[in-house]
Amino acid sequence: MNTITPTELHAWLNDAARPAPVLLDVREPWEFETAHIAGATLIPMNTIPAQIDTLDRQAQTVVICHHGGRSMQVANYLQQHGFSQVYNLTGGVNAWALKVDPAMPTY
């Protein structure tokens, strides 16, 4: 499985020459409301199997959660179902807040 650090993702998102990835946040709605990366789409982990066909299997997709555990499970699941360009955000939104966006609330 591919991984990406918060600083690598930040650089990617700010690189106009590179197409932006799909940011797939798999946390619960209350977590997403507390803090999320701009442009992320919320699909809670437990609803991924029912919504998998709404996702583009060819898109570069970064899976995001709080610390990186749930997103790692979802990234593995997506790879097993034909997604070839999936990345797990190492450390999740917590690491993003610490390394990229100190104004982001942590919980």
PDB file of N, CA and C in Angstrom:
ATOM      1  N   MET A   1       0.839  -1.182   0.000  1.00  0.00           N
ATOM      2  CA  MET A   1       0.000   0.000   0.000  1.00  0.00           C
ATOM      3  C   MET A   1       0.883   1.244   0.000  1.00  0.00           C
ATOM      4  N   ASN A   2       0.443   2.263  -0.728  1.00  0.00           N
ATOM      5  CA  ASN A   2       1.153   3.530  -0.759  1.00  0.00           C
ATOM      6  C   ASN A   2       0.785   4.353   0.474  1.00  0.00           C
ATOM      7  N   THR A   3       1.759   5.083   0.989  1.00  0.00           N
ATOM      8  CA  THR A   3       1.490   6.017   2.072  1.00  0.00           C
ATOM      9  C   THR A   3       1.961   7.394   1.627  1.00  0.00           C
ATOM     10  N   ILE A   4       1.411   8.405   2.279  1.00  0.00           N
ATOM     11  CA  ILE A   4       1.809   9.783   2.004  1.00  0.00           C
ATOM     12  C   ILE A   4       1.802  10.530   3.326  1.00  0.00           C
ATOM     13  N   THR A   5       2.808  11.353   3.541  1.00  0.00           N
ATOM     14  CA  THR A   5       2.881  12.137   4.767  1.00  0.00           C
ATOM     15  C   THR A   5       2.070  13.420   4.593  1.00  0.00           C
ATOM     16  N   PRO A   6       1.725  14.063   5.698  1.00  0.00           N
ATOM     17  CA  PRO A   6       1.014  15.336   5.583  1.00  0.00           C
ATOM     18  C   PRO A   6       1.790  16.375   4.769  1.00  0.00           C
ATOM     19  N   THR A   7       3.088  16.468   4.956  1.00  0.00           N
ATOM     20  CA  THR A   7       3.856  17.463   4.205  1.00  0.00           C
ATOM     21  C   THR A   7       3.908  17.115   2.723  1.00  0.00           C
ATOM     22  N   GLU A   8       3.982  15.838   2.384  1.00  0.00           N
ATOM     23  CA  GLU A   8       3.947  15.429   0.974  1.00  0.00           C
ATOM     24  C   GLU A   8       2.584  15.750   0.353  1.00  0.00           C
ATOM     25  N   LEU A   9       1.504  15.472   1.089  1.00  0.00           N
ATOM     26  CA  LEU A   9       0.165  15.773   0.581  1.00  0.00           C
ATOM     27  C   LEU A   9      -0.015  17.283   0.413  1.00  0.00           C
ATOM     28  N   HIS A  10       0.459  18.053   1.360  1.00  0.00           N
ATOM     29  CA  HIS A  10       0.358  19.510   1.273  1.00  0.00           C
ATOM     30  C   HIS A  10       1.060  20.014   0.011  1.00  0.00           C
ATOM     31  N   ALA A  11       2.256  19.498  -0.246  1.00  0.00           N
ATOM     32  CA  ALA A  11       2.999  19.890  -1.452  1.00  0.00           C
ATOM     33  C   ALA A  11       2.227  19.492  -2.710  1.00  0.00           C
ATOM     34  N   TRP A  12       1.645  18.290  -2.719  1.00  0.00           N
ATOM     35  CA  TRP A  12       0.863  17.818  -3.861  1.00  0.00           C
ATOM     36  C   TRP A  12      -0.328  18.745  -4.107  1.00  0.00           C
ATOM     37  N   LEU A  13      -1.051  19.070  -3.056  1.00  0.00           N
ATOM     38  CA  LEU A  13      -2.232  19.914  -3.200  1.00  0.00           C
ATOM     39  C   LEU A  13      -1.885  21.320  -3.682  1.00  0.00           C
ATOM     40  N   ASN A  14      -0.669  21.756  -3.424  1.00  0.00           N
ATOM     41  CA  ASN A  14      -0.244  23.096  -3.838  1.00  0.00           C
ATOM     42  C   ASN A  14       0.530  23.103  -5.147  1.00  0.00           C
ATOM     43  N   ASP A  15       0.646  21.952  -5.791  1.00  0.00           N
ATOM     44  CA  ASP A  15       1.362  21.836  -7.059  1.00  0.00           C
ATOM     45  C   ASP A  15       0.351  21.942  -8.209  1.00  0.00           C
ATOM     46  N   ALA A  16       0.280  23.111  -8.809  1.00  0.00           N
ATOM     47  CA  ALA A  16      -0.700  23.359  -9.878  1.00  0.00           C
ATOM     48  C   ALA A  16      -0.472  22.478 -11.100  1.00  0.00           C
ATOM     49  N   ALA A  17       0.730  21.955 -11.258  1.00  0.00           N
ATOM     50  CA  ALA A  17       1.042  21.113 -12.415  1.00  0.00           C
ATOM     51  C   ALA A  17       0.583  19.666 -12.215  1.00  0.00           C
ATOM     52  N   ARG A  18       0.164  19.339 -11.025  1.00  0.00           N
ATOM     53  CA  ARG A  18      -0.231  17.960 -10.714  1.00  0.00           C
ATOM     54  C   ARG A  18      -1.721  17.913 -10.391  1.00  0.00           C
ATOM     55  N   PRO A  19      -2.465  17.026 -11.033  1.00  0.00           N
ATOM     56  CA  PRO A  19      -3.902  16.931 -10.723  1.00  0.00           C
ATOM     57  C   PRO A  19      -4.121  16.603  -9.244  1.00  0.00           C
ATOM     58  N   ALA A  20      -5.074  17.273  -8.650  1.00  0.00           N
ATOM     59  CA  ALA A  20      -5.374  17.054  -7.236  1.00  0.00           C
ATOM     60  C   ALA A  20      -5.954  15.654  -7.032  1.00  0.00           C
ATOM     61  N   PRO A  21      -5.604  15.015  -5.929  1.00  0.00           N
ATOM     62  CA  PRO A  21      -6.167  13.699  -5.638  1.00  0.00           C
ATOM     63  C   PRO A  21      -7.577  13.832  -5.057  1.00  0.00           C
ATOM     64  N   VAL A  22      -8.292  12.735  -5.058  1.00  0.00           N
ATOM     65  CA  VAL A  22      -9.541  12.648  -4.315  1.00  0.00           C
ATOM     66  C   VAL A  22      -9.141  12.494  -2.854  1.00  0.00           C
ATOM     67  N   LEU A  23      -9.691  13.324  -1.983  1.00  0.00           N
ATOM     68  CA  LEU A  23      -9.439  13.225  -0.547  1.00  0.00           C
ATOM     69  C   LEU A  23     -10.640  12.546   0.078  1.00  0.00           C
ATOM     70  N   LEU A  24     -10.468  11.302   0.483  1.00  0.00           N
ATOM     71  CA  LEU A  24     -11.551  10.486   1.015  1.00  0.00           C
ATOM     72  C   LEU A  24     -11.395  10.357   2.524  1.00  0.00           C
ATOM     73  N   ASP A  25     -12.240  11.057   3.259  1.00  0.00           N
ATOM     74  CA  ASP A  25     -12.204  11.044   4.719  1.00  0.00           C
ATOM     75  C   ASP A  25     -13.178   9.975   5.206  1.00  0.00           C
ATOM     76  N   VAL A  26     -12.670   9.006   5.968  1.00  0.00           N
ATOM     77  CA  VAL A  26     -13.493   7.862   6.373  1.00  0.00           C
ATOM     78  C   VAL A  26     -13.892   7.901   7.850  1.00  0.00           C
ATOM     79  N   ARG A  27     -13.757   9.067   8.467  1.00  0.00           N
ATOM     80  CA  ARG A  27     -14.137   9.209   9.875  1.00  0.00           C
ATOM     81  C   ARG A  27     -15.654   9.378  10.013  1.00  0.00           C
ATOM     82  N   GLU A  28     -16.084   9.528  11.242  1.00  0.00           N
ATOM     83  CA  GLU A  28     -17.499   9.743  11.530  1.00  0.00           C
ATOM     84  C   GLU A  28     -17.852  11.214  11.300  1.00  0.00           C
ATOM     85  N   PRO A  29     -19.135  11.508  11.026  1.00  0.00           N
ATOM     86  CA  PRO A  29     -19.529  12.887  10.753  1.00  0.00           C
ATOM     87  C   PRO A  29     -19.102  13.888  11.830  1.00  0.00           C
ATOM     88  N   TRP A  30     -19.217  13.536  13.110  1.00  0.00           N
ATOM     89  CA  TRP A  30     -18.837  14.482  14.159  1.00  0.00           C
ATOM     90  C   TRP A  30     -17.338  14.788  14.098  1.00  0.00           C
ATOM     91  N   GLU A  31     -16.535  13.806  13.705  1.00  0.00           N
ATOM     92  CA  GLU A  31     -15.095  14.030  13.593  1.00  0.00           C
ATOM     93  C   GLU A  31     -14.801  14.977  12.425  1.00  0.00           C
ATOM     94  N   PHE A  32     -15.476  14.736  11.314  1.00  0.00           N
ATOM     95  CA  PHE A  32     -15.306  15.567  10.127  1.00  0.00           C
ATOM     96  C   PHE A  32     -15.699  17.009  10.426  1.00  0.00           C
ATOM     97  N   GLU A  33     -16.804  17.198  11.175  1.00  0.00           N
ATOM     98  CA  GLU A  33     -17.250  18.538  11.538  1.00  0.00           C
ATOM     99  C   GLU A  33     -16.244  19.230  12.450  1.00  0.00           C
ATOM    100  N   THR A  34     -15.557  18.461  13.281  1.00  0.00           N
ATOM    101  CA  THR A  34     -14.562  19.024  14.196  1.00  0.00           C
ATOM    102  C   THR A  34     -13.356  19.545  13.440  1.00  0.00           C
ATOM    103  N   ALA A  35     -12.875  18.755  12.475  1.00  0.00           N
ATOM    104  CA  ALA A  35     -11.679  19.141  11.712  1.00  0.00           C
ATOM    105  C   ALA A  35     -11.582  18.290  10.463  1.00  0.00           C
ATOM    106  N   HIS A  36     -11.302  18.939   9.336  1.00  0.00           N
ATOM    107  CA  HIS A  36     -11.068  18.186   8.102  1.00  0.00           C
ATOM    108  C   HIS A  36     -10.204  18.997   7.150  1.00  0.00           C
ATOM    109  N   ILE A  37      -9.604  18.296   6.216  1.00  0.00           N
ATOM    110  CA  ILE A  37      -8.781  18.940   5.198  1.00  0.00           C
ATOM    111  C   ILE A  37      -9.721  19.484   4.124  1.00  0.00           C
ATOM    112  N   ALA A  38      -9.498  20.725   3.742  1.00  0.00           N
ATOM    113  CA  ALA A  38     -10.349  21.362   2.725  1.00  0.00           C
ATOM    114  C   ALA A  38     -10.402  20.513   1.461  1.00  0.00           C
ATOM    115  N   GLY A  39     -11.611  20.339   0.950  1.00  0.00           N
ATOM    116  CA  GLY A  39     -11.806  19.575  -0.272  1.00  0.00           C
ATOM    117  C   GLY A  39     -12.057  18.095  -0.060  1.00  0.00           C
ATOM    118  N   ALA A  40     -11.975  17.646   1.185  1.00  0.00           N
ATOM    119  CA  ALA A  40     -12.195  16.222   1.469  1.00  0.00           C
ATOM    120  C   ALA A  40     -13.676  15.873   1.374  1.00  0.00           C
ATOM    121  N   THR A  41     -13.929  14.640   0.952  1.00  0.00           N
ATOM    122  CA  THR A  41     -15.275  14.082   0.893  1.00  0.00           C
ATOM    123  C   THR A  41     -15.421  13.090   2.026  1.00  0.00           C
ATOM    124  N   LEU A  42     -16.486  13.207   2.783  1.00  0.00           N
ATOM    125  CA  LEU A  42     -16.741  12.306   3.905  1.00  0.00           C
ATOM    126  C   LEU A  42     -17.559  11.097   3.460  1.00  0.00           C
ATOM    127  N   ILE A  43     -16.979   9.922   3.647  1.00  0.00           N
ATOM    128  CA  ILE A  43     -17.718   8.660   3.503  1.00  0.00           C
ATOM    129  C   ILE A  43     -17.243   7.796   4.673  1.00  0.00           C
ATOM    130  N   PRO A  44     -18.033   7.740   5.751  1.00  0.00           N
ATOM    131  CA  PRO A  44     -17.594   6.983   6.925  1.00  0.00           C
ATOM    132  C   PRO A  44     -17.208   5.537   6.577  1.00  0.00           C
ATOM    133  N   MET A  45     -16.214   5.045   7.296  1.00  0.00           N
ATOM    134  CA  MET A  45     -15.635   3.734   7.035  1.00  0.00           C
ATOM    135  C   MET A  45     -16.695   2.639   6.880  1.00  0.00           C
ATOM    136  N   ASN A  46     -17.679   2.618   7.775  1.00  0.00           N
ATOM    137  CA  ASN A  46     -18.662   1.540   7.737  1.00  0.00           C
ATOM    138  C   ASN A  46     -19.609   1.615   6.544  1.00  0.00           C
ATOM    139  N   THR A  47     -19.572   2.727   5.794  1.00  0.00           N
ATOM    140  CA  THR A  47     -20.443   2.845   4.621  1.00  0.00           C
ATOM    141  C   THR A  47     -19.685   2.643   3.311  1.00  0.00           C
ATOM    142  N   ILE A  48     -18.375   2.452   3.371  1.00  0.00           N
ATOM    143  CA  ILE A  48     -17.570   2.282   2.156  1.00  0.00           C
ATOM    144  C   ILE A  48     -18.068   1.123   1.286  1.00  0.00           C
ATOM    145  N   PRO A  49     -18.308  -0.079   1.848  1.00  0.00           N
ATOM    146  CA  PRO A  49     -18.755  -1.177   0.969  1.00  0.00           C
ATOM    147  C   PRO A  49     -20.022  -0.839   0.179  1.00  0.00           C
ATOM    148  N   ALA A  50     -20.960  -0.144   0.801  1.00  0.00           N
ATOM    149  CA  ALA A  50     -22.211   0.198   0.121  1.00  0.00           C
ATOM    150  C   ALA A  50     -22.024   1.317  -0.903  1.00  0.00           C
ATOM    151  N   GLN A  51     -20.955   2.121  -0.744  1.00  0.00           N
ATOM    152  CA  GLN A  51     -20.761   3.266  -1.628  1.00  0.00           C
ATOM    153  C   GLN A  51     -19.561   3.113  -2.565  1.00  0.00           C
ATOM    154  N   ILE A  52     -18.944   1.949  -2.570  1.00  0.00           N
ATOM    155  CA  ILE A  52     -17.715   1.768  -3.346  1.00  0.00           C
ATOM    156  C   ILE A  52     -17.914   2.079  -4.830  1.00  0.00           C
ATOM    157  N   ASP A  53     -19.080   1.783  -5.363  1.00  0.00           N
ATOM    158  CA  ASP A  53     -19.315   2.024  -6.786  1.00  0.00           C
ATOM    159  C   ASP A  53     -19.507   3.500  -7.121  1.00  0.00           C
ATOM    160  N   THR A  54     -19.583   4.363  -6.111  1.00  0.00           N
ATOM    161  CA  THR A  54     -19.667   5.802  -6.368  1.00  0.00           C
ATOM    162  C   THR A  54     -18.271   6.411  -6.502  1.00  0.00           C
ATOM    163  N   LEU A  55     -17.240   5.621  -6.217  1.00  0.00           N
ATOM    164  CA  LEU A  55     -15.858   6.107  -6.262  1.00  0.00           C
ATOM    165  C   LEU A  55     -15.191   5.711  -7.573  1.00  0.00           C
ATOM    166  N   ASP A  56     -14.274   6.533  -8.028  1.00  0.00           N
ATOM    167  CA  ASP A  56     -13.544   6.295  -9.278  1.00  0.00           C
ATOM    168  C   ASP A  56     -12.328   5.406  -9.002  1.00  0.00           C
ATOM    169  N   ARG A  57     -12.357   4.203  -9.543  1.00  0.00           N
ATOM    170  CA  ARG A  57     -11.258   3.253  -9.314  1.00  0.00           C
ATOM    171  C   ARG A  57      -9.939   3.704  -9.934  1.00  0.00           C
ATOM    172  N   GLN A  58      -9.989   4.619 -10.891  1.00  0.00           N
ATOM    173  CA  GLN A  58      -8.779   5.094 -11.563  1.00  0.00           C
ATOM    174  C   GLN A  58      -8.198   6.363 -10.926  1.00  0.00           C
ATOM    175  N   ALA A  59      -8.959   7.016 -10.073  1.00  0.00           N
ATOM    176  CA  ALA A  59      -8.514   8.284  -9.485  1.00  0.00           C
ATOM    177  C   ALA A  59      -7.432   8.062  -8.440  1.00  0.00           C
ATOM    178  N   GLN A  60      -6.527   9.020  -8.357  1.00  0.00           N
ATOM    179  CA  GLN A  60      -5.554   9.019  -7.266  1.00  0.00           C
ATOM    180  C   GLN A  60      -6.328   9.427  -6.023  1.00  0.00           C
ATOM    181  N   THR A  61      -6.368   8.536  -5.040  1.00  0.00           N
ATOM    182  CA  THR A  61      -7.210   8.729  -3.871  1.00  0.00           C
ATOM    183  C   THR A  61      -6.371   8.663  -2.605  1.00  0.00           C
ATOM    184  N   VAL A  62      -6.491   9.693  -1.777  1.00  0.00           N
ATOM    185  CA  VAL A  62      -5.826   9.712  -0.476  1.00  0.00           C
ATOM    186  C   VAL A  62      -6.894   9.466   0.571  1.00  0.00           C
ATOM    187  N   VAL A  63      -6.717   8.390   1.350  1.00  0.00           N
ATOM    188  CA  VAL A  63      -7.684   8.024   2.379  1.00  0.00           C
ATOM    189  C   VAL A  63      -7.208   8.617   3.710  1.00  0.00           C
ATOM    190  N   ILE A  64      -8.155   9.241   4.427  1.00  0.00           N
ATOM    191  CA  ILE A  64      -7.836  10.020   5.616  1.00  0.00           C
ATOM    192  C   ILE A  64      -8.708   9.586   6.789  1.00  0.00           C
ATOM    193  N   CYS A  65      -8.096   9.504   7.973  1.00  0.00           N
ATOM    194  CA  CYS A  65      -8.863   9.324   9.208  1.00  0.00           C
ATOM    195  C   CYS A  65      -8.191  10.147  10.303  1.00  0.00           C
ATOM    196  N   HIS A  66      -8.397   9.792  11.561  1.00  0.00           N
ATOM    197  CA  HIS A  66      -7.861  10.562  12.675  1.00  0.00           C
ATOM    198  C   HIS A  66      -6.355  10.370  12.828  1.00  0.00           C
ATOM    199  N   HIS A  67      -5.923   9.109  12.945  1.00  0.00           N
ATOM    200  CA  HIS A  67      -4.494   8.823  13.139  1.00  0.00           C
ATOM    201  C   HIS A  67      -3.879   7.944  12.059  1.00  0.00           C
ATOM    202  N   GLY A  68      -4.671   7.418  11.142  1.00  0.00           N
ATOM    203  CA  GLY A  68      -4.133   6.609  10.048  1.00  0.00           C
ATOM    204  C   GLY A  68      -4.480   5.137  10.094  1.00  0.00           C
ATOM    205  N   GLY A  69      -5.117   4.671  11.146  1.00  0.00           N
ATOM    206  CA  GLY A  69      -5.468   3.250  11.264  1.00  0.00           C
ATOM    207  C   GLY A  69      -6.674   2.848  10.431  1.00  0.00           C
ATOM    208  N   ARG A  70      -7.764   3.584  10.596  1.00  0.00           N
ATOM    209  CA  ARG A  70      -8.970   3.271   9.818  1.00  0.00           C
ATOM    210  C   ARG A  70      -8.719   3.496   8.334  1.00  0.00           C
ATOM    211  N   SER A  71      -8.011   4.575   8.018  1.00  0.00           N
ATOM    212  CA  SER A  71      -7.747   4.864   6.607  1.00  0.00           C
ATOM    213  C   SER A  71      -6.868   3.782   5.984  1.00  0.00           C
ATOM    214  N   MET A  72      -5.957   3.202   6.764  1.00  0.00           N
ATOM    215  CA  MET A  72      -5.128   2.115   6.246  1.00  0.00           C
ATOM    216  C   MET A  72      -6.007   0.905   5.902  1.00  0.00           C
ATOM    217  N   GLN A  73      -6.964   0.601   6.763  1.00  0.00           N
ATOM    218  CA  GLN A  73      -7.878  -0.519   6.496  1.00  0.00           C
ATOM    219  C   GLN A  73      -8.709  -0.251   5.242  1.00  0.00           C
ATOM    220  N   VAL A  74      -9.215   0.964   5.103  1.00  0.00           N
ATOM    221  CA  VAL A  74     -10.024   1.307   3.931  1.00  0.00           C
ATOM    222  C   VAL A  74      -9.155   1.296   2.674  1.00  0.00           C
ATOM    223  N   ALA A  75      -7.942   1.821   2.751  1.00  0.00           N
ATOM    224  CA  ALA A  75      -7.051   1.818   1.588  1.00  0.00           C
ATOM    225  C   ALA A  75      -6.780   0.380   1.136  1.00  0.00           C
ATOM    226  N   ASN A  76      -6.537  -0.514   2.071  1.00  0.00           N
ATOM    227  CA  ASN A  76      -6.340  -1.929   1.721  1.00  0.00           C
ATOM    228  C   ASN A  76      -7.593  -2.502   1.070  1.00  0.00           C
ATOM    229  N   TYR A  77      -8.754  -2.204   1.624  1.00  0.00           N
ATOM    230  CA  TYR A  77     -10.025  -2.668   1.079  1.00  0.00           C
ATOM    231  C   TYR A  77     -10.206  -2.172  -0.353  1.00  0.00           C
ATOM    232  N   LEU A  78      -9.932  -0.890  -0.574  1.00  0.00           N
ATOM    233  CA  LEU A  78     -10.081  -0.328  -1.917  1.00  0.00           C
ATOM    234  C   LEU A  78      -9.129  -1.007  -2.898  1.00  0.00           C
ATOM    235  N   GLN A  79      -7.893  -1.239  -2.489  1.00  0.00           N
ATOM    236  CA  GLN A  79      -6.935  -1.922  -3.368  1.00  0.00           C
ATOM    237  C   GLN A  79      -7.425  -3.319  -3.723  1.00  0.00           C
ATOM    238  N   GLN A  80      -8.000  -4.013  -2.757  1.00  0.00           N
ATOM    239  CA  GLN A  80      -8.523  -5.357  -3.013  1.00  0.00           C
ATOM    240  C   GLN A  80      -9.703  -5.332  -3.970  1.00  0.00           C
ATOM    241  N   HIS A  81     -10.305  -4.161  -4.147  1.00  0.00           N
ATOM    242  CA  HIS A  81     -11.467  -4.023  -5.028  1.00  0.00           C
ATOM    243  C   HIS A  81     -11.156  -3.210  -6.282  1.00  0.00           C
ATOM    244  N   GLY A  82      -9.900  -3.232  -6.705  1.00  0.00           N
ATOM    245  CA  GLY A  82      -9.547  -2.694  -8.005  1.00  0.00           C
ATOM    246  C   GLY A  82      -9.085  -1.248  -8.063  1.00  0.00           C
ATOM    247  N   PHE A  83      -8.908  -0.618  -6.916  1.00  0.00           N
ATOM    248  CA  PHE A  83      -8.384   0.753  -6.905  1.00  0.00           C
ATOM    249  C   PHE A  83      -6.860   0.657  -6.945  1.00  0.00           C
ATOM    250  N   SER A  84      -6.246   1.265  -7.967  1.00  0.00           N
ATOM    251  CA  SER A  84      -4.812   1.075  -8.162  1.00  0.00           C
ATOM    252  C   SER A  84      -3.952   2.225  -7.644  1.00  0.00           C
ATOM    253  N   GLN A  85      -4.560   3.374  -7.379  1.00  0.00           N
ATOM    254  CA  GLN A  85      -3.784   4.547  -6.973  1.00  0.00           C
ATOM    255  C   GLN A  85      -4.296   5.091  -5.643  1.00  0.00           C
ATOM    256  N   VAL A  86      -4.124   4.285  -4.599  1.00  0.00           N
ATOM    257  CA  VAL A  86      -4.637   4.629  -3.277  1.00  0.00           C
ATOM    258  C   VAL A  86      -3.470   4.912  -2.337  1.00  0.00           C
ATOM    259  N   TYR A  87      -3.616   5.974  -1.555  1.00  0.00           N
ATOM    260  CA  TYR A  87      -2.608   6.374  -0.572  1.00  0.00           C
ATOM    261  C   TYR A  87      -3.269   6.490   0.790  1.00  0.00           C
ATOM    262  N   ASN A  88      -2.557   6.076   1.822  1.00  0.00           N
ATOM    263  CA  ASN A  88      -3.007   6.279   3.195  1.00  0.00           C
ATOM    264  C   ASN A  88      -2.260   7.490   3.757  1.00  0.00           C
ATOM    265  N   LEU A  89      -2.994   8.443   4.334  1.00  0.00           N
ATOM    266  CA  LEU A  89      -2.358   9.605   4.956  1.00  0.00           C
ATOM    267  C   LEU A  89      -1.784   9.183   6.304  1.00  0.00           C
ATOM    268  N   THR A  90      -0.472   9.116   6.375  1.00  0.00           N
ATOM    269  CA  THR A  90       0.224   8.708   7.586  1.00  0.00           C
ATOM    270  C   THR A  90      -0.064   9.697   8.716  1.00  0.00           C
ATOM    271  N   GLY A  91      -0.566   9.198   9.824  1.00  0.00           N
ATOM    272  CA  GLY A  91      -0.845  10.053  10.975  1.00  0.00           C
ATOM    273  C   GLY A  91      -2.169  10.782  10.935  1.00  0.00           C
ATOM    274  N   GLY A  92      -2.886  10.676   9.803  1.00  0.00           N
ATOM    275  CA  GLY A  92      -4.218  11.250   9.677  1.00  0.00           C
ATOM    276  C   GLY A  92      -4.297  12.755   9.878  1.00  0.00           C
ATOM    277  N   VAL A  93      -5.514  13.226  10.190  1.00  0.00           N
ATOM    278  CA  VAL A  93      -5.711  14.663  10.373  1.00  0.00           C
ATOM    279  C   VAL A  93      -4.976  15.178  11.600  1.00  0.00           C
ATOM    280  N   ASN A  94      -4.713  14.302  12.546  1.00  0.00           N
ATOM    281  CA  ASN A  94      -3.952  14.737  13.713  1.00  0.00           C
ATOM    282  C   ASN A  94      -2.550  15.186  13.292  1.00  0.00           C
ATOM    283  N   ALA A  95      -1.886  14.389  12.462  1.00  0.00           N
ATOM    284  CA  ALA A  95      -0.559  14.747  11.965  1.00  0.00           C
ATOM    285  C   ALA A  95      -0.638  15.959  11.040  1.00  0.00           C
ATOM    286  N   TRP A  96      -1.714  16.063  10.246  1.00  0.00           N
ATOM    287  CA  TRP A  96      -1.900  17.227   9.378  1.00  0.00           C
ATOM    288  C   TRP A  96      -1.944  18.500  10.231  1.00  0.00           C
ATOM    289  N   ALA A  97      -2.700  18.459  11.337  1.00  0.00           N
ATOM    290  CA  ALA A  97      -2.803  19.621  12.224  1.00  0.00           C
ATOM    291  C   ALA A  97      -1.441  19.968  12.841  1.00  0.00           C
ATOM    292  N   LEU A  98      -0.688  18.965  13.203  1.00  0.00           N
ATOM    293  CA  LEU A  98       0.606  19.208  13.845  1.00  0.00           C
ATOM    294  C   LEU A  98       1.669  19.695  12.870  1.00  0.00           C
ATOM    295  N   LYS A  99       1.642  19.189  11.639  1.00  0.00           N
ATOM    296  CA  LYS A  99       2.730  19.469  10.702  1.00  0.00           C
ATOM    297  C   LYS A  99       2.404  20.474   9.607  1.00  0.00           C
ATOM    298  N   VAL A 100       1.112  20.633   9.290  1.00  0.00           N
ATOM    299  CA  VAL A 100       0.743  21.490   8.152  1.00  0.00           C
ATOM    300  C   VAL A 100      -0.131  22.665   8.585  1.00  0.00           C
ATOM    301  N   ASP A 101      -1.155  22.397   9.379  1.00  0.00           N
ATOM    302  CA  ASP A 101      -2.152  23.420   9.704  1.00  0.00           C
ATOM    303  C   ASP A 101      -2.364  23.521  11.216  1.00  0.00           C
ATOM    304  N   PRO A 102      -1.494  24.257  11.915  1.00  0.00           N
ATOM    305  CA  PRO A 102      -1.616  24.344  13.366  1.00  0.00           C
ATOM    306  C   PRO A 102      -2.912  24.999  13.850  1.00  0.00           C
ATOM    307  N   ALA A 103      -3.634  25.671  12.958  1.00  0.00           N
ATOM    308  CA  ALA A 103      -4.917  26.278  13.335  1.00  0.00           C
ATOM    309  C   ALA A 103      -6.042  25.247  13.370  1.00  0.00           C
ATOM    310  N   MET A 104      -5.802  24.059  12.802  1.00  0.00           N
ATOM    311  CA  MET A 104      -6.834  23.018  12.783  1.00  0.00           C
ATOM    312  C   MET A 104      -7.042  22.470  14.201  1.00  0.00           C
ATOM    313  N   PRO A 105      -8.293  22.354  14.616  1.00  0.00           N
ATOM    314  CA  PRO A 105      -8.540  21.771  15.940  1.00  0.00           C
ATOM    315  C   PRO A 105      -8.091  20.316  15.998  1.00  0.00           C
ATOM    316  N   THR A 106      -7.621  19.894  17.159  1.00  0.00           N
ATOM    317  CA  THR A 106      -7.292  18.487  17.367  1.00  0.00           C
ATOM    318  C   THR A 106      -8.237  17.933  18.429  1.00  0.00           C
ATOM    319  N   TYR A 107      -8.373  16.632  18.446  1.00  0.00           N
ATOM    320  CA  TYR A 107      -9.266  15.994  19.417  1.00  0.00           C
ATOM    321  C   TYR A 107      -8.712  14.647  19.792  1.00  0.00           C
TER     322      TYR A 107
END
